[in-house]
Amino acid sequence: GTQTAVISSQALADDYADRLKAGLSTVTIFQNRDILSFNDDIVGTVYDSSGTTSIGDLQGATVQLQLEDFSDVNVESVNVVAPTGGGTQATIEVVINGEIFRNTTIAGGTVAAAATLTLTSTANQDHTLIFTNGAAAALDFSSAENATYVKAALEEAFGVKQGGSALQFQIGSTSNEIISVGVESASSDSLFDGLSLSVDSAANAATALTQLNVAINTVTSLRADVGALQSRFDYAAASIETAIQNQDAARGLFLDADVAEESTKFSNAQVLLQASISVLAQANQLPQNLLKLIG
């Protein structure tokens, strides 16, 4: 039940404060957030090597990450391993900021429809990555071939590509005023997952059409990313230019003098001084004039 205590002295207050600090010293607060950069729509249905047989669908899937700090989350790589050596357990591994999130007990190499899959950090068991299959069909990577295509699909959804590392541009006077620029690869191997497209048969044409749709969606997403980066740079450049203009204007006020204005003020002051002296001289003459009248 609820307990109360009366703190009647500073010594008791200090004692309670020390006990609270000791009790909370081992408490860690975690945040659980959706990874909104996981783009399920860009992949959609995942096909096997034939290009016609579905082995899953990422559309509707969601990913949640539990960490203490979300200031800079970067998904570096994804790996999918089918059951090997006659075993029945598959593995999915995701590396985020150098931390490995892994699940090695995926039965049969499938994630059922509407099921959740938890990947736990190898460094801290309180750090988790939860994947929810929002599709109406299972995600099947029970074979090495399927695992390759599921891996490629997850990499594309997470934005993991073979492009160069992000560049950082300083846009302000403080260390945190930077813009990081990282654009995914748009090479033919990346766009078409290394497949050679052919239209010499109906099946190959269907495969080519699927890969072309994926490539179009990828290029569209890349164009949107480049446009967003360009807008950020334009805004940053305009802000810097305005700051420079304001700084120059302030410097001019401190260093420059308006000679005409100051000369006018000086002349006015001189006239007022001369007028004051004249009025004062006339005032000094009044007593002498009065004495002359009396005498």
C-alpha atoms as a PDB file:
ATOM      1  CA  GLY A   1       0.000   0.000   0.000  1.00  0.00           C
ATOM      2  CA  THR A   2       0.937   3.676   0.054  1.00  0.00           C
ATOM      3  CA  GLN A   3       3.434   4.672   2.723  1.00  0.00           C
ATOM      4  CA  THR A   4       4.111   8.183   3.951  1.00  0.00           C
ATOM      5  CA  ALA A   5       6.911   9.650   6.019  1.00  0.00           C
ATOM      6  CA  VAL A   6       7.472  12.977   7.713  1.00  0.00           C
ATOM      7  CA  ILE A   7      10.777  14.697   6.926  1.00  0.00           C
ATOM      8  CA  SER A   8      11.346  16.935   9.918  1.00  0.00           C
ATOM      9  CA  SER A   9      15.024  17.783   9.516  1.00  0.00           C
ATOM     10  CA  GLN A  10      17.669  18.412   6.871  1.00  0.00           C
ATOM     11  CA  ALA A  11      19.470  15.230   7.927  1.00  0.00           C
ATOM     12  CA  LEU A  12      16.370  13.144   7.162  1.00  0.00           C
ATOM     13  CA  ALA A  13      15.929  14.979   3.844  1.00  0.00           C
ATOM     14  CA  ASP A  14      19.528  14.222   2.855  1.00  0.00           C
ATOM     15  CA  ASP A  15      19.067  10.582   3.874  1.00  0.00           C
ATOM     16  CA  TYR A  16      15.939  10.199   1.710  1.00  0.00           C
ATOM     17  CA  ALA A  17      17.690  11.926  -1.223  1.00  0.00           C
ATOM     18  CA  ASP A  18      20.646   9.516  -0.984  1.00  0.00           C
ATOM     19  CA  ARG A  19      18.302   6.524  -0.854  1.00  0.00           C
ATOM     20  CA  LEU A  20      16.388   7.734  -3.926  1.00  0.00           C
ATOM     21  CA  LYS A  21      19.634   8.261  -5.849  1.00  0.00           C
ATOM     22  CA  ALA A  22      20.791   4.748  -4.933  1.00  0.00           C
ATOM     23  CA  GLY A  23      17.451   3.248  -5.951  1.00  0.00           C
ATOM     24  CA  LEU A  24      17.399   4.986  -9.331  1.00  0.00           C
ATOM     25  CA  SER A  25      21.091   4.540 -10.142  1.00  0.00           C
ATOM     26  CA  THR A  26      20.455   1.285 -12.053  1.00  0.00           C
ATOM     27  CA  VAL A  27      17.317   2.476 -13.865  1.00  0.00           C
ATOM     28  CA  THR A  28      17.661   2.911 -17.657  1.00  0.00           C
ATOM     29  CA  ILE A  29      14.927   4.532 -19.720  1.00  0.00           C
ATOM     30  CA  PHE A  30      14.369   3.069 -23.191  1.00  0.00           C
ATOM     31  CA  GLN A  31      12.434   4.486 -26.138  1.00  0.00           C
ATOM     32  CA  ASN A  32      10.440   2.374 -28.568  1.00  0.00           C
ATOM     33  CA  ARG A  33       9.948   4.024 -31.961  1.00  0.00           C
ATOM     34  CA  ASP A  34       8.782   3.056 -35.410  1.00  0.00           C
ATOM     35  CA  ILE A  35      11.466   3.263 -38.094  1.00  0.00           C
ATOM     36  CA  LEU A  36       9.603   5.477 -40.547  1.00  0.00           C
ATOM     37  CA  SER A  37      12.429   5.285 -43.084  1.00  0.00           C
ATOM     38  CA  PHE A  38      11.528   1.599 -43.625  1.00  0.00           C
ATOM     39  CA  ASN A  39       9.870   1.977 -47.037  1.00  0.00           C
ATOM     40  CA  ASP A  40       7.607  -1.043 -47.476  1.00  0.00           C
ATOM     41  CA  ASP A  41       5.844   0.392 -50.548  1.00  0.00           C
ATOM     42  CA  ILE A  42       9.003   0.640 -52.639  1.00  0.00           C
ATOM     43  CA  VAL A  43       9.401  -3.163 -52.630  1.00  0.00           C
ATOM     44  CA  GLY A  44       5.880  -4.588 -52.343  1.00  0.00           C
ATOM     45  CA  THR A  45       5.718  -8.222 -53.446  1.00  0.00           C
ATOM     46  CA  VAL A  46       8.935 -10.263 -53.221  1.00  0.00           C
ATOM     47  CA  TYR A  47       9.416 -12.808 -56.022  1.00  0.00           C
ATOM     48  CA  ASP A  48      11.724 -15.775 -56.431  1.00  0.00           C
ATOM     49  CA  SER A  49      14.156 -16.168 -59.319  1.00  0.00           C
ATOM     50  CA  SER A  50      11.348 -16.836 -61.782  1.00  0.00           C
ATOM     51  CA  GLY A  51       9.928 -13.405 -61.186  1.00  0.00           C
ATOM     52  CA  THR A  52       6.374 -14.785 -61.080  1.00  0.00           C
ATOM     53  CA  THR A  53       6.186 -16.793 -57.840  1.00  0.00           C
ATOM     54  CA  SER A  54       5.647 -14.709 -54.722  1.00  0.00           C
ATOM     55  CA  ILE A  55       7.692 -15.577 -51.636  1.00  0.00           C
ATOM     56  CA  GLY A  56       6.268 -12.769 -49.516  1.00  0.00           C
ATOM     57  CA  ASP A  57       5.116  -9.182 -49.438  1.00  0.00           C
ATOM     58  CA  LEU A  58       6.700  -6.299 -47.497  1.00  0.00           C
ATOM     59  CA  GLN A  59       3.821  -3.906 -48.109  1.00  0.00           C
ATOM     60  CA  GLY A  60       2.190  -3.160 -44.770  1.00  0.00           C
ATOM     61  CA  ALA A  61       5.209  -4.338 -42.785  1.00  0.00           C
ATOM     62  CA  THR A  62       6.440  -2.194 -39.887  1.00  0.00           C
ATOM     63  CA  VAL A  63       9.672  -2.052 -37.897  1.00  0.00           C
ATOM     64  CA  GLN A  64      10.099  -0.845 -34.308  1.00  0.00           C
ATOM     65  CA  LEU A  65      13.417  -0.179 -32.601  1.00  0.00           C
ATOM     66  CA  GLN A  66      14.001   0.020 -28.838  1.00  0.00           C
ATOM     67  CA  LEU A  67      17.029   2.074 -27.772  1.00  0.00           C
ATOM     68  CA  GLU A  68      17.984   4.776 -25.288  1.00  0.00           C
ATOM     69  CA  ASP A  69      19.191   7.252 -27.935  1.00  0.00           C
ATOM     70  CA  PHE A  70      17.722   7.927 -31.396  1.00  0.00           C
ATOM     71  CA  SER A  71      19.854  10.959 -32.288  1.00  0.00           C
ATOM     72  CA  ASP A  72      21.587   9.175 -35.198  1.00  0.00           C
ATOM     73  CA  VAL A  73      20.189   5.802 -36.310  1.00  0.00           C
ATOM     74  CA  ASN A  74      21.844   4.263 -39.374  1.00  0.00           C
ATOM     75  CA  VAL A  75      20.921   0.815 -40.723  1.00  0.00           C
ATOM     76  CA  GLU A  76      24.231  -0.438 -42.120  1.00  0.00           C
ATOM     77  CA  SER A  77      23.491  -3.956 -43.373  1.00  0.00           C
ATOM     78  CA  VAL A  78      20.943  -6.783 -43.527  1.00  0.00           C
ATOM     79  CA  ASN A  79      21.664 -10.488 -43.740  1.00  0.00           C
ATOM     80  CA  VAL A  80      19.200 -13.374 -44.230  1.00  0.00           C
ATOM     81  CA  VAL A  81      20.359 -16.993 -43.864  1.00  0.00           C
ATOM     82  CA  ALA A  82      18.117 -19.947 -44.723  1.00  0.00           C
ATOM     83  CA  PRO A  83      18.191 -23.166 -42.649  1.00  0.00           C
ATOM     84  CA  THR A  84      21.409 -25.044 -43.367  1.00  0.00           C
ATOM     85  CA  GLY A  85      22.850 -28.497 -42.723  1.00  0.00           C
ATOM     86  CA  GLY A  86      19.481 -30.167 -42.432  1.00  0.00           C
ATOM     87  CA  GLY A  87      18.394 -27.742 -39.707  1.00  0.00           C
ATOM     88  CA  THR A  88      15.055 -25.983 -39.445  1.00  0.00           C
ATOM     89  CA  GLN A  89      16.122 -22.632 -37.989  1.00  0.00           C
ATOM     90  CA  ALA A  90      16.814 -19.584 -40.141  1.00  0.00           C
ATOM     91  CA  THR A  91      18.572 -16.325 -39.213  1.00  0.00           C
ATOM     92  CA  ILE A  92      17.965 -12.641 -39.847  1.00  0.00           C
ATOM     93  CA  GLU A  93      20.613 -10.123 -38.805  1.00  0.00           C
ATOM     94  CA  VAL A  94      20.472  -6.323 -39.012  1.00  0.00           C
ATOM     95  CA  VAL A  95      23.416  -4.059 -38.124  1.00  0.00           C
ATOM     96  CA  ILE A  96      22.457  -0.600 -36.796  1.00  0.00           C
ATOM     97  CA  ASN A  97      25.224   1.841 -35.833  1.00  0.00           C
ATOM     98  CA  GLY A  98      27.625  -1.086 -35.503  1.00  0.00           C
ATOM     99  CA  GLU A  99      25.263  -2.949 -33.137  1.00  0.00           C
ATOM    100  CA  ILE A 100      24.115  -6.408 -34.293  1.00  0.00           C
ATOM    101  CA  PHE A 101      20.409  -7.288 -33.940  1.00  0.00           C
ATOM    102  CA  ARG A 102      19.847 -10.990 -34.555  1.00  0.00           C
ATOM    103  CA  ASN A 103      17.292 -13.790 -34.424  1.00  0.00           C
ATOM    104  CA  THR A 104      18.629 -17.296 -35.095  1.00  0.00           C
ATOM    105  CA  THR A 105      15.504 -19.301 -34.192  1.00  0.00           C
ATOM    106  CA  ILE A 106      13.130 -18.583 -37.077  1.00  0.00           C
ATOM    107  CA  ALA A 107      11.315 -21.885 -37.494  1.00  0.00           C
ATOM    108  CA  GLY A 108      11.227 -23.178 -41.054  1.00  0.00           C
ATOM    109  CA  GLY A 109      12.628 -19.931 -42.407  1.00  0.00           C
ATOM    110  CA  THR A 110       9.206 -18.258 -42.592  1.00  0.00           C
ATOM    111  CA  VAL A 111       7.522 -15.321 -40.888  1.00  0.00           C
ATOM    112  CA  ALA A 112       3.786 -15.960 -40.887  1.00  0.00           C
ATOM    113  CA  ALA A 113       1.234 -13.388 -41.994  1.00  0.00           C
ATOM    114  CA  ALA A 114       0.578 -10.740 -39.327  1.00  0.00           C
ATOM    115  CA  ALA A 115       3.314 -12.317 -37.156  1.00  0.00           C
ATOM    116  CA  THR A 116       6.058 -10.409 -35.346  1.00  0.00           C
ATOM    117  CA  LEU A 117       9.748 -11.235 -35.326  1.00  0.00           C
ATOM    118  CA  THR A 118      12.027  -9.884 -32.583  1.00  0.00           C
ATOM    119  CA  LEU A 119      15.735  -9.369 -33.234  1.00  0.00           C
ATOM    120  CA  THR A 120      17.745  -8.886 -30.041  1.00  0.00           C
ATOM    121  CA  SER A 121      21.020  -7.000 -29.794  1.00  0.00           C
ATOM    122  CA  THR A 122      24.070  -9.158 -29.155  1.00  0.00           C
ATOM    123  CA  ALA A 123      25.501  -6.337 -27.014  1.00  0.00           C
ATOM    124  CA  ASN A 124      22.449  -5.446 -24.889  1.00  0.00           C
ATOM    125  CA  GLN A 125      19.404  -7.696 -24.574  1.00  0.00           C
ATOM    126  CA  ASP A 126      17.230  -4.648 -23.817  1.00  0.00           C
ATOM    127  CA  HIS A 127      17.890  -3.334 -27.335  1.00  0.00           C
ATOM    128  CA  THR A 128      15.420  -4.931 -29.746  1.00  0.00           C
ATOM    129  CA  LEU A 129      14.280  -4.625 -33.349  1.00  0.00           C
ATOM    130  CA  ILE A 130      10.712  -5.854 -33.944  1.00  0.00           C
ATOM    131  CA  PHE A 131       9.571  -6.673 -37.489  1.00  0.00           C
ATOM    132  CA  THR A 132       5.824  -7.122 -38.057  1.00  0.00           C
ATOM    133  CA  ASN A 133       4.688  -8.850 -41.233  1.00  0.00           C
ATOM    134  CA  GLY A 134       1.605  -6.875 -42.204  1.00  0.00           C
ATOM    135  CA  ALA A 135       0.904  -8.884 -45.361  1.00  0.00           C
ATOM    136  CA  ALA A 136      -1.693 -11.620 -45.791  1.00  0.00           C
ATOM    137  CA  ALA A 137       0.985 -14.111 -46.798  1.00  0.00           C
ATOM    138  CA  ALA A 138       4.061 -15.531 -45.078  1.00  0.00           C
ATOM    139  CA  LEU A 139       7.534 -14.257 -45.862  1.00  0.00           C
ATOM    140  CA  ASP A 140       9.380 -17.366 -47.060  1.00  0.00           C
ATOM    141  CA  PHE A 141      13.176 -17.625 -46.958  1.00  0.00           C
ATOM    142  CA  SER A 142      13.353 -21.362 -46.328  1.00  0.00           C
ATOM    143  CA  SER A 143      15.820 -21.841 -49.198  1.00  0.00           C
ATOM    144  CA  ALA A 144      19.132 -20.136 -49.882  1.00  0.00           C
ATOM    145  CA  GLU A 145      17.751 -18.739 -53.144  1.00  0.00           C
ATOM    146  CA  ASN A 146      14.690 -17.234 -51.430  1.00  0.00           C
ATOM    147  CA  ALA A 147      16.897 -15.869 -48.647  1.00  0.00           C
ATOM    148  CA  THR A 148      18.899 -13.950 -51.262  1.00  0.00           C
ATOM    149  CA  TYR A 149      15.770 -12.237 -52.616  1.00  0.00           C
ATOM    150  CA  VAL A 150      14.329 -11.512 -49.162  1.00  0.00           C
ATOM    151  CA  LYS A 151      17.694 -10.022 -48.147  1.00  0.00           C
ATOM    152  CA  ALA A 152      17.707  -7.782 -51.245  1.00  0.00           C
ATOM    153  CA  ALA A 153      14.117  -6.694 -50.548  1.00  0.00           C
ATOM    154  CA  LEU A 154      14.849  -5.829 -46.905  1.00  0.00           C
ATOM    155  CA  GLU A 155      17.999  -3.931 -47.922  1.00  0.00           C
ATOM    156  CA  GLU A 156      15.966  -1.908 -50.390  1.00  0.00           C
ATOM    157  CA  ALA A 157      13.215  -1.212 -47.839  1.00  0.00           C
ATOM    158  CA  PHE A 158      15.779  -0.126 -45.213  1.00  0.00           C
ATOM    159  CA  GLY A 159      17.690   1.954 -47.766  1.00  0.00           C
ATOM    160  CA  VAL A 160      20.852  -0.145 -47.544  1.00  0.00           C
ATOM    161  CA  LYS A 161      22.676   0.220 -50.876  1.00  0.00           C
ATOM    162  CA  GLN A 162      26.178   0.134 -52.282  1.00  0.00           C
ATOM    163  CA  GLY A 163      26.459   3.912 -52.631  1.00  0.00           C
ATOM    164  CA  GLY A 164      29.261   5.867 -51.020  1.00  0.00           C
ATOM    165  CA  SER A 165      29.183   6.899 -47.393  1.00  0.00           C
ATOM    166  CA  ALA A 166      27.302  10.033 -46.432  1.00  0.00           C
ATOM    167  CA  LEU A 167      28.998  13.390 -46.865  1.00  0.00           C
ATOM    168  CA  GLN A 168      28.642  16.078 -44.219  1.00  0.00           C
ATOM    169  CA  PHE A 169      28.434  19.792 -44.996  1.00  0.00           C
ATOM    170  CA  GLN A 170      28.897  22.455 -42.326  1.00  0.00           C
ATOM    171  CA  ILE A 171      26.103  25.023 -42.631  1.00  0.00           C
ATOM    172  CA  GLY A 172      26.509  26.984 -39.394  1.00  0.00           C
ATOM    173  CA  SER A 173      28.884  28.103 -36.707  1.00  0.00           C
ATOM    174  CA  THR A 174      28.168  25.258 -34.262  1.00  0.00           C
ATOM    175  CA  SER A 175      29.241  21.626 -34.595  1.00  0.00           C
ATOM    176  CA  ASN A 176      25.694  20.270 -34.874  1.00  0.00           C
ATOM    177  CA  GLU A 177      24.722  22.559 -37.765  1.00  0.00           C
ATOM    178  CA  ILE A 178      25.465  20.088 -40.551  1.00  0.00           C
ATOM    179  CA  ILE A 179      23.648  18.422 -43.440  1.00  0.00           C
ATOM    180  CA  SER A 180      24.474  14.782 -44.148  1.00  0.00           C
ATOM    181  CA  VAL A 181      24.120  13.754 -47.785  1.00  0.00           C
ATOM    182  CA  GLY A 182      23.760  10.076 -48.620  1.00  0.00           C
ATOM    183  CA  VAL A 183      22.180   8.942 -51.886  1.00  0.00           C
ATOM    184  CA  GLU A 184      21.504   5.291 -52.641  1.00  0.00           C
ATOM    185  CA  SER A 185      23.140   3.622 -55.590  1.00  0.00           C
ATOM    186  CA  ALA A 186      21.297   3.845 -58.901  1.00  0.00           C
ATOM    187  CA  SER A 187      23.527   1.461 -60.864  1.00  0.00           C
ATOM    188  CA  SER A 188      21.874  -1.132 -63.093  1.00  0.00           C
ATOM    189  CA  ASP A 189      22.965  -3.944 -60.769  1.00  0.00           C
ATOM    190  CA  SER A 190      21.348  -2.157 -57.846  1.00  0.00           C
ATOM    191  CA  LEU A 191      18.153  -1.302 -59.709  1.00  0.00           C
ATOM    192  CA  PHE A 192      17.658  -4.777 -61.165  1.00  0.00           C
ATOM    193  CA  ASP A 193      19.194  -6.824 -58.311  1.00  0.00           C
ATOM    194  CA  GLY A 194      21.885  -8.140 -60.662  1.00  0.00           C
ATOM    195  CA  LEU A 195      19.366  -9.834 -62.960  1.00  0.00           C
ATOM    196  CA  SER A 196      19.640  -9.827 -66.745  1.00  0.00           C
ATOM    197  CA  LEU A 197      16.335  -8.762 -68.293  1.00  0.00           C
ATOM    198  CA  SER A 198      14.948 -10.549 -71.298  1.00  0.00           C
ATOM    199  CA  VAL A 199      11.617 -10.509 -73.157  1.00  0.00           C
ATOM    200  CA  ASP A 200      12.120 -13.632 -75.268  1.00  0.00           C
ATOM    201  CA  SER A 201       9.291 -15.440 -73.452  1.00  0.00           C
ATOM    202  CA  ALA A 202       6.139 -14.575 -71.541  1.00  0.00           C
ATOM    203  CA  ALA A 203       7.708 -15.601 -68.214  1.00  0.00           C
ATOM    204  CA  ASN A 204      10.854 -13.546 -68.833  1.00  0.00           C
ATOM    205  CA  ALA A 205       8.767 -10.564 -69.935  1.00  0.00           C
ATOM    206  CA  ALA A 206       6.774 -10.769 -66.685  1.00  0.00           C
ATOM    207  CA  THR A 207      10.032 -10.872 -64.717  1.00  0.00           C
ATOM    208  CA  ALA A 208      11.390  -7.899 -66.650  1.00  0.00           C
ATOM    209  CA  LEU A 209       8.183  -5.948 -66.071  1.00  0.00           C
ATOM    210  CA  THR A 210       8.370  -6.605 -62.322  1.00  0.00           C
ATOM    211  CA  GLN A 211      12.007  -5.514 -62.133  1.00  0.00           C
ATOM    212  CA  LEU A 212      11.323  -2.424 -64.248  1.00  0.00           C
ATOM    213  CA  ASN A 213       8.513  -1.412 -61.898  1.00  0.00           C
ATOM    214  CA  VAL A 214      10.860  -1.830 -58.940  1.00  0.00           C
ATOM    215  CA  ALA A 215      13.534   0.211 -60.736  1.00  0.00           C
ATOM    216  CA  ILE A 216      11.049   2.995 -61.559  1.00  0.00           C
ATOM    217  CA  ASN A 217       9.907   3.155 -57.925  1.00  0.00           C
ATOM    218  CA  THR A 218      13.532   3.247 -56.767  1.00  0.00           C
ATOM    219  CA  VAL A 219      14.492   6.046 -59.166  1.00  0.00           C
ATOM    220  CA  THR A 220      11.368   8.003 -58.175  1.00  0.00           C
ATOM    221  CA  SER A 221      12.312   7.677 -54.515  1.00  0.00           C
ATOM    222  CA  LEU A 222      15.889   8.773 -55.290  1.00  0.00           C
ATOM    223  CA  ARG A 223      14.628  11.827 -57.170  1.00  0.00           C
ATOM    224  CA  ALA A 224      12.472  12.753 -54.190  1.00  0.00           C
ATOM    225  CA  ASP A 225      15.459  12.375 -51.863  1.00  0.00           C
ATOM    226  CA  VAL A 226      17.665  14.541 -54.103  1.00  0.00           C
ATOM    227  CA  GLY A 227      14.908  17.167 -54.339  1.00  0.00           C
ATOM    228  CA  ALA A 228      14.557  17.236 -50.557  1.00  0.00           C
ATOM    229  CA  LEU A 229      18.323  17.639 -50.150  1.00  0.00           C
ATOM    230  CA  GLN A 230      18.367  20.445 -52.711  1.00  0.00           C
ATOM    231  CA  SER A 231      15.588  22.249 -50.832  1.00  0.00           C
ATOM    232  CA  ARG A 232      17.517  21.917 -47.561  1.00  0.00           C
ATOM    233  CA  PHE A 233      20.667  23.355 -49.162  1.00  0.00           C
ATOM    234  CA  ASP A 234      18.712  26.218 -50.747  1.00  0.00           C
ATOM    235  CA  TYR A 235      17.152  27.079 -47.389  1.00  0.00           C
ATOM    236  CA  ALA A 236      20.519  26.849 -45.608  1.00  0.00           C
ATOM    237  CA  ALA A 237      22.192  29.029 -48.255  1.00  0.00           C
ATOM    238  CA  ALA A 238      19.433  31.662 -47.994  1.00  0.00           C
ATOM    239  CA  SER A 239      19.721  31.674 -44.190  1.00  0.00           C
ATOM    240  CA  ILE A 240      23.507  32.094 -44.339  1.00  0.00           C
ATOM    241  CA  GLU A 241      23.212  34.912 -46.897  1.00  0.00           C
ATOM    242  CA  THR A 242      20.673  36.723 -44.694  1.00  0.00           C
ATOM    243  CA  ALA A 243      22.944  36.323 -41.671  1.00  0.00           C
ATOM    244  CA  ILE A 244      25.890  37.756 -43.619  1.00  0.00           C
ATOM    245  CA  GLN A 245      23.827  40.762 -44.725  1.00  0.00           C
ATOM    246  CA  ASN A 246      22.631  41.409 -41.180  1.00  0.00           C
ATOM    247  CA  GLN A 247      26.165  41.140 -39.859  1.00  0.00           C
ATOM    248  CA  ASP A 248      27.515  43.567 -42.481  1.00  0.00           C
ATOM    249  CA  ALA A 249      24.727  46.027 -41.694  1.00  0.00           C
ATOM    250  CA  ALA A 250      25.477  45.866 -37.978  1.00  0.00           C
ATOM    251  CA  ARG A 251      29.197  46.322 -38.644  1.00  0.00           C
ATOM    252  CA  GLY A 252      28.441  49.369 -40.792  1.00  0.00           C
ATOM    253  CA  LEU A 253      26.456  50.973 -38.000  1.00  0.00           C
ATOM    254  CA  PHE A 254      29.397  50.570 -35.645  1.00  0.00           C
ATOM    255  CA  LEU A 255      32.171  51.661 -37.997  1.00  0.00           C
ATOM    256  CA  ASP A 256      30.624  54.123 -40.438  1.00  0.00           C
ATOM    257  CA  ALA A 257      29.643  57.735 -39.606  1.00  0.00           C
ATOM    258  CA  ASP A 258      27.163  59.876 -41.548  1.00  0.00           C
ATOM    259  CA  VAL A 259      29.293  63.040 -42.007  1.00  0.00           C
ATOM    260  CA  ALA A 260      26.428  65.197 -43.308  1.00  0.00           C
ATOM    261  CA  GLU A 261      24.150  64.279 -40.432  1.00  0.00           C
ATOM    262  CA  GLU A 262      26.849  64.790 -37.818  1.00  0.00           C
ATOM    263  CA  SER A 263      27.851  68.156 -39.407  1.00  0.00           C
ATOM    264  CA  THR A 264      24.242  69.316 -39.243  1.00  0.00           C
ATOM    265  CA  LYS A 265      23.990  68.318 -35.598  1.00  0.00           C
ATOM    266  CA  PHE A 266      27.259  70.197 -34.851  1.00  0.00           C
ATOM    267  CA  SER A 267      26.033  73.339 -36.640  1.00  0.00           C
ATOM    268  CA  ASN A 268      22.744  73.244 -34.736  1.00  0.00           C
ATOM    269  CA  ALA A 269      24.643  72.902 -31.479  1.00  0.00           C
ATOM    270  CA  GLN A 270      26.862  75.871 -32.375  1.00  0.00           C
ATOM    271  CA  VAL A 271      23.864  78.064 -33.223  1.00  0.00           C
ATOM    272  CA  LEU A 272      22.152  77.148 -29.983  1.00  0.00           C
ATOM    273  CA  LEU A 273      25.365  77.907 -28.067  1.00  0.00           C
ATOM    274  CA  GLN A 274      25.761  81.304 -29.678  1.00  0.00           C
ATOM    275  CA  ALA A 275      22.087  82.131 -29.112  1.00  0.00           C
ATOM    276  CA  SER A 276      22.399  81.156 -25.449  1.00  0.00           C
ATOM    277  CA  ILE A 277      25.464  83.404 -24.990  1.00  0.00           C
ATOM    278  CA  SER A 278      23.619  86.313 -26.628  1.00  0.00           C
ATOM    279  CA  VAL A 279      20.544  85.871 -24.420  1.00  0.00           C
ATOM    280  CA  LEU A 280      22.735  85.609 -21.328  1.00  0.00           C
ATOM    281  CA  ALA A 281      24.592  88.843 -22.249  1.00  0.00           C
ATOM    282  CA  GLN A 282      21.323  90.693 -22.699  1.00  0.00           C
ATOM    283  CA  ALA A 283      20.076  89.372 -19.356  1.00  0.00           C
ATOM    284  CA  ASN A 284      23.232  90.676 -17.645  1.00  0.00           C
ATOM    285  CA  GLN A 285      22.552  94.157 -19.037  1.00  0.00           C
ATOM    286  CA  LEU A 286      19.072  94.434 -17.462  1.00  0.00           C
ATOM    287  CA  PRO A 287      20.221  95.430 -13.883  1.00  0.00           C
ATOM    288  CA  GLN A 288      22.461  98.196 -15.295  1.00  0.00           C
ATOM    289  CA  ASN A 289      19.570  99.556 -17.356  1.00  0.00           C
ATOM    290  CA  LEU A 290      17.330  99.627 -14.277  1.00  0.00           C
ATOM    291  CA  LEU A 291      19.998 101.516 -12.269  1.00  0.00           C
ATOM    292  CA  LYS A 292      20.274 104.129 -15.008  1.00  0.00           C
ATOM    293  CA  LEU A 293      16.525 104.674 -14.880  1.00  0.00           C
ATOM    294  CA  ILE A 294      16.551 105.112 -11.075  1.00  0.00           C
ATOM    295  CA  GLY A 295      19.549 107.419 -11.129  1.00  0.00           C
END
